[in-house]
Structures are given as structure tokens and as C-alpha cells.
PDB file of N, CA and C in Angstrom:
ATOM      1  N   MET A   1      -5.954  -8.193  15.633  1.00  0.00           N
ATOM      2  CA  MET A   1      -6.827  -8.675  14.582  1.00  0.00           C
ATOM      3  C   MET A   1      -8.275  -8.417  14.983  1.00  0.00           C
ATOM      4  N   ARG A   2      -9.035  -7.825  14.061  1.00  0.00           N
ATOM      5  CA  ARG A   2     -10.437  -7.554  14.326  1.00  0.00           C
ATOM      6  C   ARG A   2     -11.254  -8.817  14.084  1.00  0.00           C
ATOM      7  N   ILE A   3     -12.439  -8.886  14.691  1.00  0.00           N
ATOM      8  CA  ILE A   3     -13.289 -10.075  14.600  1.00  0.00           C
ATOM      9  C   ILE A   3     -13.693 -10.360  13.152  1.00  0.00           C
ATOM     10  N   GLU A   4     -13.898  -9.297  12.323  1.00  0.00           N
ATOM     11  CA  GLU A   4     -14.270  -9.510  10.930  1.00  0.00           C
ATOM     12  C   GLU A   4     -13.189 -10.269  10.165  1.00  0.00           C
ATOM     13  N   GLU A   5     -11.956 -10.105  10.572  1.00  0.00           N
ATOM     14  CA  GLU A   5     -10.835 -10.719   9.884  1.00  0.00           C
ATOM     15  C   GLU A   5     -10.707 -12.206  10.186  1.00  0.00           C
ATOM     16  N   THR A   6     -11.525 -12.736  11.080  1.00  0.00           N
ATOM     17  CA  THR A   6     -11.466 -14.161  11.392  1.00  0.00           C
ATOM     18  C   THR A   6     -12.530 -14.950  10.628  1.00  0.00           C
ATOM     19  N   THR A   7     -13.336 -14.295   9.800  1.00  0.00           N
ATOM     20  CA  THR A   7     -14.369 -14.992   9.044  1.00  0.00           C
ATOM     21  C   THR A   7     -13.749 -15.811   7.920  1.00  0.00           C
ATOM     22  N   VAL A   8     -14.514 -16.747   7.390  1.00  0.00           N
ATOM     23  CA  VAL A   8     -14.051 -17.596   6.291  1.00  0.00           C
ATOM     24  C   VAL A   8     -13.691 -16.746   5.074  1.00  0.00           C
ATOM     25  N   ILE A   9     -14.478 -15.718   4.785  1.00  0.00           N
ATOM     26  CA  ILE A   9     -14.201 -14.842   3.637  1.00  0.00           C
ATOM     27  C   ILE A   9     -12.829 -14.193   3.781  1.00  0.00           C
ATOM     28  N   TYR A  10     -12.532 -13.640   4.942  1.00  0.00           N
ATOM     29  CA  TYR A  10     -11.214 -13.039   5.158  1.00  0.00           C
ATOM     30  C   TYR A  10     -10.105 -14.084   5.072  1.00  0.00           C
ATOM     31  N   GLN A  11     -10.361 -15.264   5.603  1.00  0.00           N
ATOM     32  CA  GLN A  11      -9.343 -16.304   5.563  1.00  0.00           C
ATOM     33  C   GLN A  11      -9.047 -16.752   4.137  1.00  0.00           C
ATOM     34  N   LEU A  12     -10.065 -16.760   3.272  1.00  0.00           N
ATOM     35  CA  LEU A  12      -9.879 -17.188   1.891  1.00  0.00           C
ATOM     36  C   LEU A  12      -9.370 -16.066   0.979  1.00  0.00           C
ATOM     37  N   PHE A  13      -9.930 -14.877   1.125  1.00  0.00           N
ATOM     38  CA  PHE A  13      -9.675 -13.820   0.159  1.00  0.00           C
ATOM     39  C   PHE A  13      -8.954 -12.601   0.732  1.00  0.00           C
ATOM     40  N   GLY A  14      -8.813 -12.527   2.021  1.00  0.00           N
ATOM     41  CA  GLY A  14      -8.228 -11.346   2.640  1.00  0.00           C
ATOM     42  C   GLY A  14      -6.719 -11.384   2.684  1.00  0.00           C
ATOM     43  N   GLY A  15      -6.180 -10.255   3.054  1.00  0.00           N
ATOM     44  CA  GLY A  15      -4.736 -10.144   3.192  1.00  0.00           C
ATOM     45  C   GLY A  15      -4.400  -8.896   3.966  1.00  0.00           C
ATOM     46  N   SER A  16      -3.114  -8.598   4.035  1.00  0.00           N
ATOM     47  CA  SER A  16      -2.636  -7.409   4.723  1.00  0.00           C
ATOM     48  C   SER A  16      -1.665  -6.670   3.826  1.00  0.00           C
ATOM     49  N   LEU A  17      -1.771  -5.353   3.837  1.00  0.00           N
ATOM     50  CA  LEU A  17      -0.837  -4.497   3.120  1.00  0.00           C
ATOM     51  C   LEU A  17       0.018  -3.757   4.131  1.00  0.00           C
ATOM     52  N   GLN A  18       1.314  -3.834   3.947  1.00  0.00           N
ATOM     53  CA  GLN A  18       2.211  -3.069   4.800  1.00  0.00           C
ATOM     54  C   GLN A  18       2.776  -1.928   3.972  1.00  0.00           C
ATOM     55  N   SER A  19       2.664  -0.732   4.504  1.00  0.00           N
ATOM     56  CA  SER A  19       3.282   0.413   3.831  1.00  0.00           C
ATOM     57  C   SER A  19       4.333   0.998   4.755  1.00  0.00           C
ATOM     58  N   GLN A  20       5.346   1.556   4.134  1.00  0.00           N
ATOM     59  CA  GLN A  20       6.456   2.100   4.894  1.00  0.00           C
ATOM     60  C   GLN A  20       6.894   3.406   4.240  1.00  0.00           C
ATOM     61  N   VAL A  21       7.050   4.435   5.054  1.00  0.00           N
ATOM     62  CA  VAL A  21       7.531   5.730   4.576  1.00  0.00           C
ATOM     63  C   VAL A  21       8.806   6.054   5.336  1.00  0.00           C
ATOM     64  N   LYS A  22       9.863   6.329   4.567  1.00  0.00           N
ATOM     65  CA  LYS A  22      11.151   6.653   5.178  1.00  0.00           C
ATOM     66  C   LYS A  22      11.562   8.057   4.748  1.00  0.00           C
ATOM     67  N   CYS A  23      11.851   8.893   5.719  1.00  0.00           N
ATOM     68  CA  CYS A  23      12.304  10.253   5.451  1.00  0.00           C
ATOM     69  C   CYS A  23      13.759  10.200   4.977  1.00  0.00           C
ATOM     70  N   GLU A  24      14.019  10.796   3.819  1.00  0.00           N
ATOM     71  CA  GLU A  24      15.385  10.804   3.294  1.00  0.00           C
ATOM     72  C   GLU A  24      16.302  11.745   4.063  1.00  0.00           C
ATOM     73  N   LYS A  25      15.723  12.726   4.751  1.00  0.00           N
ATOM     74  CA  LYS A  25      16.546  13.701   5.474  1.00  0.00           C
ATOM     75  C   LYS A  25      17.001  13.181   6.827  1.00  0.00           C
ATOM     76  N   CYS A  26      16.051  12.641   7.641  1.00  0.00           N
ATOM     77  CA  CYS A  26      16.421  12.230   9.001  1.00  0.00           C
ATOM     78  C   CYS A  26      16.424  10.710   9.198  1.00  0.00           C
ATOM     79  N   GLY A  27      15.901   9.960   8.239  1.00  0.00           N
ATOM     80  CA  GLY A  27      15.892   8.506   8.339  1.00  0.00           C
ATOM     81  C   GLY A  27      14.730   7.942   9.139  1.00  0.00           C
ATOM     82  N   ASN A  28      13.821   8.803   9.622  1.00  0.00           N
ATOM     83  CA  ASN A  28      12.650   8.347  10.371  1.00  0.00           C
ATOM     84  C   ASN A  28      11.796   7.427   9.493  1.00  0.00           C
ATOM     85  N   VAL A  29      11.322   6.310  10.061  1.00  0.00           N
ATOM     86  CA  VAL A  29      10.518   5.342   9.316  1.00  0.00           C
ATOM     87  C   VAL A  29       9.162   5.186   9.990  1.00  0.00           C
ATOM     88  N   ASN A  30       8.093   5.328   9.215  1.00  0.00           N
ATOM     89  CA  ASN A  30       6.732   5.080   9.673  1.00  0.00           C
ATOM     90  C   ASN A  30       6.187   3.884   8.916  1.00  0.00           C
ATOM     91  N   SER A  31       5.677   2.895   9.639  1.00  0.00           N
ATOM     92  CA  SER A  31       5.105   1.700   9.024  1.00  0.00           C
ATOM     93  C   SER A  31       3.651   1.550   9.444  1.00  0.00           C
ATOM     94  N   SER A  32       2.840   1.001   8.551  1.00  0.00           N
ATOM     95  CA  SER A  32       1.449   0.709   8.893  1.00  0.00           C
ATOM     96  C   SER A  32       1.045  -0.607   8.238  1.00  0.00           C
ATOM     97  N   LEU A  33       0.096  -1.281   8.859  1.00  0.00           N
ATOM     98  CA  LEU A  33      -0.421  -2.549   8.366  1.00  0.00           C
ATOM     99  C   LEU A  33      -1.930  -2.410   8.260  1.00  0.00           C
ATOM    100  N   GLU A  34      -2.468  -2.737   7.083  1.00  0.00           N
ATOM    101  CA  GLU A  34      -3.893  -2.567   6.824  1.00  0.00           C
ATOM    102  C   GLU A  34      -4.462  -3.833   6.194  1.00  0.00           C
ATOM    103  N   SER A  35      -5.596  -4.280   6.699  1.00  0.00           N
ATOM    104  CA  SER A  35      -6.274  -5.453   6.135  1.00  0.00           C
ATOM    105  C   SER A  35      -7.022  -5.069   4.872  1.00  0.00           C
ATOM    106  N   PHE A  36      -7.158  -6.026   3.950  1.00  0.00           N
ATOM    107  CA  PHE A  36      -7.915  -5.759   2.737  1.00  0.00           C
ATOM    108  C   PHE A  36      -8.634  -7.007   2.253  1.00  0.00           C
ATOM    109  N   LEU A  37      -9.695  -6.799   1.513  1.00  0.00           N
ATOM    110  CA  LEU A  37     -10.404  -7.866   0.806  1.00  0.00           C
ATOM    111  C   LEU A  37     -10.259  -7.714  -0.704  1.00  0.00           C
ATOM    112  N   ASP A  38      -9.976  -6.505  -1.162  1.00  0.00           N
ATOM    113  CA  ASP A  38      -9.781  -6.278  -2.589  1.00  0.00           C
ATOM    114  C   ASP A  38      -8.751  -5.171  -2.786  1.00  0.00           C
ATOM    115  N   LEU A  39      -8.197  -5.134  -3.986  1.00  0.00           N
ATOM    116  CA  LEU A  39      -7.225  -4.111  -4.345  1.00  0.00           C
ATOM    117  C   LEU A  39      -7.780  -3.321  -5.522  1.00  0.00           C
ATOM    118  N   ASN A  40      -7.599  -2.019  -5.502  1.00  0.00           N
ATOM    119  CA  ASN A  40      -8.010  -1.180  -6.618  1.00  0.00           C
ATOM    120  C   ASN A  40      -6.814  -0.990  -7.542  1.00  0.00           C
ATOM    121  N   LEU A  41      -6.793  -1.749  -8.634  1.00  0.00           N
ATOM    122  CA  LEU A  41      -5.698  -1.667  -9.593  1.00  0.00           C
ATOM    123  C   LEU A  41      -6.111  -0.799 -10.768  1.00  0.00           C
ATOM    124  N   ASP A  42      -5.198   0.037 -11.244  1.00  0.00           N
ATOM    125  CA  ASP A  42      -5.441   0.906 -12.384  1.00  0.00           C
ATOM    126  C   ASP A  42      -5.102   0.134 -13.660  1.00  0.00           C
ATOM    127  N   LEU A  43      -6.137  -0.228 -14.417  1.00  0.00           N
ATOM    128  CA  LEU A  43      -5.937  -0.965 -15.664  1.00  0.00           C
ATOM    129  C   LEU A  43      -6.100  -0.031 -16.868  1.00  0.00           C
ATOM    130  N   SER A  44      -5.459   1.127 -16.792  1.00  0.00           N
ATOM    131  CA  SER A  44      -5.517   2.105 -17.874  1.00  0.00           C
ATOM    132  C   SER A  44      -4.423   1.815 -18.894  1.00  0.00           C
ATOM    133  N   GLN A  45      -4.159   2.785 -19.759  1.00  0.00           N
ATOM    134  CA  GLN A  45      -3.121   2.606 -20.764  1.00  0.00           C
ATOM    135  C   GLN A  45      -1.739   2.480 -20.146  1.00  0.00           C
ATOM    136  N   ASN A  46      -1.587   2.880 -18.861  1.00  0.00           N
ATOM    137  CA  ASN A  46      -0.302   2.738 -18.176  1.00  0.00           C
ATOM    138  C   ASN A  46      -0.015   1.299 -17.783  1.00  0.00           C
ATOM    139  N   ALA A  47      -1.048   0.474 -17.688  1.00  0.00           N
ATOM    140  CA  ALA A  47      -0.880  -0.932 -17.327  1.00  0.00           C
ATOM    141  C   ALA A  47      -1.683  -1.771 -18.311  1.00  0.00           C
ATOM    142  N   LEU A  48      -0.987  -2.525 -19.116  1.00  0.00           N
ATOM    143  CA  LEU A  48      -1.648  -3.309 -20.157  1.00  0.00           C
ATOM    144  C   LEU A  48      -2.046  -4.704 -19.686  1.00  0.00           C
ATOM    145  N   SER A  49      -1.687  -5.047 -18.454  1.00  0.00           N
ATOM    146  CA  SER A  49      -2.051  -6.355 -17.908  1.00  0.00           C
ATOM    147  C   SER A  49      -2.290  -6.226 -16.409  1.00  0.00           C
ATOM    148  N   VAL A  50      -2.911  -7.221 -15.819  1.00  0.00           N
ATOM    149  CA  VAL A  50      -3.124  -7.229 -14.369  1.00  0.00           C
ATOM    150  C   VAL A  50      -1.781  -7.284 -13.652  1.00  0.00           C
ATOM    151  N   GLU A  51      -0.855  -8.063 -14.191  1.00  0.00           N
ATOM    152  CA  GLU A  51       0.471  -8.160 -13.572  1.00  0.00           C
ATOM    153  C   GLU A  51       1.170  -6.796 -13.558  1.00  0.00           C
ATOM    154  N   GLU A  52       1.088  -6.063 -14.656  1.00  0.00           N
ATOM    155  CA  GLU A  52       1.705  -4.743 -14.722  1.00  0.00           C
ATOM    156  C   GLU A  52       1.010  -3.767 -13.764  1.00  0.00           C
ATOM    157  N   ALA A  53      -0.321  -3.846 -13.664  1.00  0.00           N
ATOM    158  CA  ALA A  53      -1.071  -2.997 -12.740  1.00  0.00           C
ATOM    159  C   ALA A  53      -0.675  -3.303 -11.294  1.00  0.00           C
ATOM    160  N   LEU A  54      -0.462  -4.567 -10.977  1.00  0.00           N
ATOM    161  CA  LEU A  54      -0.041  -4.946  -9.636  1.00  0.00           C
ATOM    162  C   LEU A  54       1.370  -4.427  -9.341  1.00  0.00           C
ATOM    163  N   MET A  55       2.250  -4.484 -10.313  1.00  0.00           N
ATOM    164  CA  MET A  55       3.605  -3.953 -10.133  1.00  0.00           C
ATOM    165  C   MET A  55       3.559  -2.437  -9.902  1.00  0.00           C
ATOM    166  N   ASN A  56       2.668  -1.744 -10.611  1.00  0.00           N
ATOM    167  CA  ASN A  56       2.503  -0.302 -10.396  1.00  0.00           C
ATOM    168  C   ASN A  56       1.948  -0.019  -9.002  1.00  0.00           C
ATOM    169  N   PHE A  57       1.064  -0.885  -8.530  1.00  0.00           N
ATOM    170  CA  PHE A  57       0.445  -0.715  -7.216  1.00  0.00           C
ATOM    171  C   PHE A  57       1.483  -0.780  -6.093  1.00  0.00           C
ATOM    172  N   VAL A  58       2.480  -1.635  -6.227  1.00  0.00           N
ATOM    173  CA  VAL A  58       3.462  -1.846  -5.154  1.00  0.00           C
ATOM    174  C   VAL A  58       4.789  -1.143  -5.407  1.00  0.00           C
ATOM    175  N   ARG A  59       4.874  -0.336  -6.454  1.00  0.00           N
ATOM    176  CA  ARG A  59       6.144   0.315  -6.765  1.00  0.00           C
ATOM    177  C   ARG A  59       6.498   1.368  -5.701  1.00  0.00           C
ATOM    178  N   ILE A  60       7.760   1.646  -5.592  1.00  0.00           N
ATOM    179  CA  ILE A  60       8.244   2.657  -4.660  1.00  0.00           C
ATOM    180  C   ILE A  60       7.869   4.028  -5.214  1.00  0.00           C
ATOM    181  N   GLU A  61       7.358   4.859  -4.339  1.00  0.00           N
ATOM    182  CA  GLU A  61       6.929   6.198  -4.727  1.00  0.00           C
ATOM    183  C   GLU A  61       7.703   7.211  -3.891  1.00  0.00           C
ATOM    184  N   LYS A  62       8.259   8.210  -4.541  1.00  0.00           N
ATOM    185  CA  LYS A  62       9.003   9.243  -3.816  1.00  0.00           C
ATOM    186  C   LYS A  62       8.025  10.329  -3.381  1.00  0.00           C
ATOM    187  N   LEU A  63       7.969  10.555  -2.068  1.00  0.00           N
ATOM    188  CA  LEU A  63       7.126  11.597  -1.493  1.00  0.00           C
ATOM    189  C   LEU A  63       8.015  12.733  -1.030  1.00  0.00           C
ATOM    190  N   ASP A  64       7.580  13.946  -1.307  1.00  0.00           N
ATOM    191  CA  ASP A  64       8.310  15.110  -0.825  1.00  0.00           C
ATOM    192  C   ASP A  64       7.320  16.237  -0.574  1.00  0.00           C
ATOM    193  N   GLU A  65       7.826  17.406  -0.283  1.00  0.00           N
ATOM    194  CA  GLU A  65       6.950  18.531   0.038  1.00  0.00           C
ATOM    195  C   GLU A  65       6.002  18.864  -1.107  1.00  0.00           C
ATOM    196  N   SER A  66       6.437  18.645  -2.362  1.00  0.00           N
ATOM    197  CA  SER A  66       5.574  18.956  -3.505  1.00  0.00           C
ATOM    198  C   SER A  66       4.376  18.009  -3.586  1.00  0.00           C
ATOM    199  N   THR A  67       4.463  16.832  -2.980  1.00  0.00           N
ATOM    200  CA  THR A  67       3.342  15.895  -2.956  1.00  0.00           C
ATOM    201  C   THR A  67       2.557  15.966  -1.649  1.00  0.00           C
ATOM    202  N   GLY A  68       2.961  16.896  -0.771  1.00  0.00           N
ATOM    203  CA  GLY A  68       2.242  17.093   0.485  1.00  0.00           C
ATOM    204  C   GLY A  68       2.814  16.310   1.657  1.00  0.00           C
ATOM    205  N   TYR A  69       3.936  15.608   1.472  1.00  0.00           N
ATOM    206  CA  TYR A  69       4.527  14.815   2.557  1.00  0.00           C
ATOM    207  C   TYR A  69       5.301  15.723   3.509  1.00  0.00           C
ATOM    208  N   ARG A  70       5.097  15.501   4.796  1.00  0.00           N
ATOM    209  CA  ARG A  70       5.884  16.171   5.825  1.00  0.00           C
ATOM    210  C   ARG A  70       6.294  15.129   6.853  1.00  0.00           C
ATOM    211  N   CYS A  71       7.554  15.095   7.190  1.00  0.00           N
ATOM    212  CA  CYS A  71       8.073  14.169   8.185  1.00  0.00           C
ATOM    213  C   CYS A  71       7.540  14.518   9.564  1.00  0.00           C
ATOM    214  N   ASP A  72       7.208  13.484  10.352  1.00  0.00           N
ATOM    215  CA  ASP A  72       6.726  13.693  11.723  1.00  0.00           C
ATOM    216  C   ASP A  72       7.806  14.253  12.634  1.00  0.00           C
ATOM    217  N   LYS A  73       9.037  14.012  12.304  1.00  0.00           N
ATOM    218  CA  LYS A  73      10.152  14.456  13.157  1.00  0.00           C
ATOM    219  C   LYS A  73      10.646  15.772  12.639  1.00  0.00           C
TER     220      LYS A  73
END
């Protein structure tokens, strides 16, 4: 934990995002944890509410070579 994350602002409004990428071919899993104070939600015509935008933000996304993903293994 970084020193900035111990401030009152982080304690009240901060959080952590965990992302996980799993290779479908070899099963290798990469995980990361990142601190945040705000989330950038897309409130376009694809999301008509904050709840829907949040669901889009955390939805499972398929990554493959066409999206630039390459497995570390």
C-alpha cells in the first residue's frame, strides 16, 4: 500500500480494481490490483443508466490476437 492510499480521501472514496486475464489456450492467468479514486464510465447510448454503465465496465471481455493480446507463456 502506498502512503497516498492511507489518506482520509482514499479511505472514504478509494478502492481497488482487480483485473484478471486467462489464456484460453494454455490456461495461464495474469492478475493485477490497481488503486483508484474514480471510475471512467461510458454513459453513451450503450448505457442508459449509471448501473448499466457500471455493468459494462466490469463485464468479461474476450481478448485475442485481433485485439492485440498475446499470452506471456
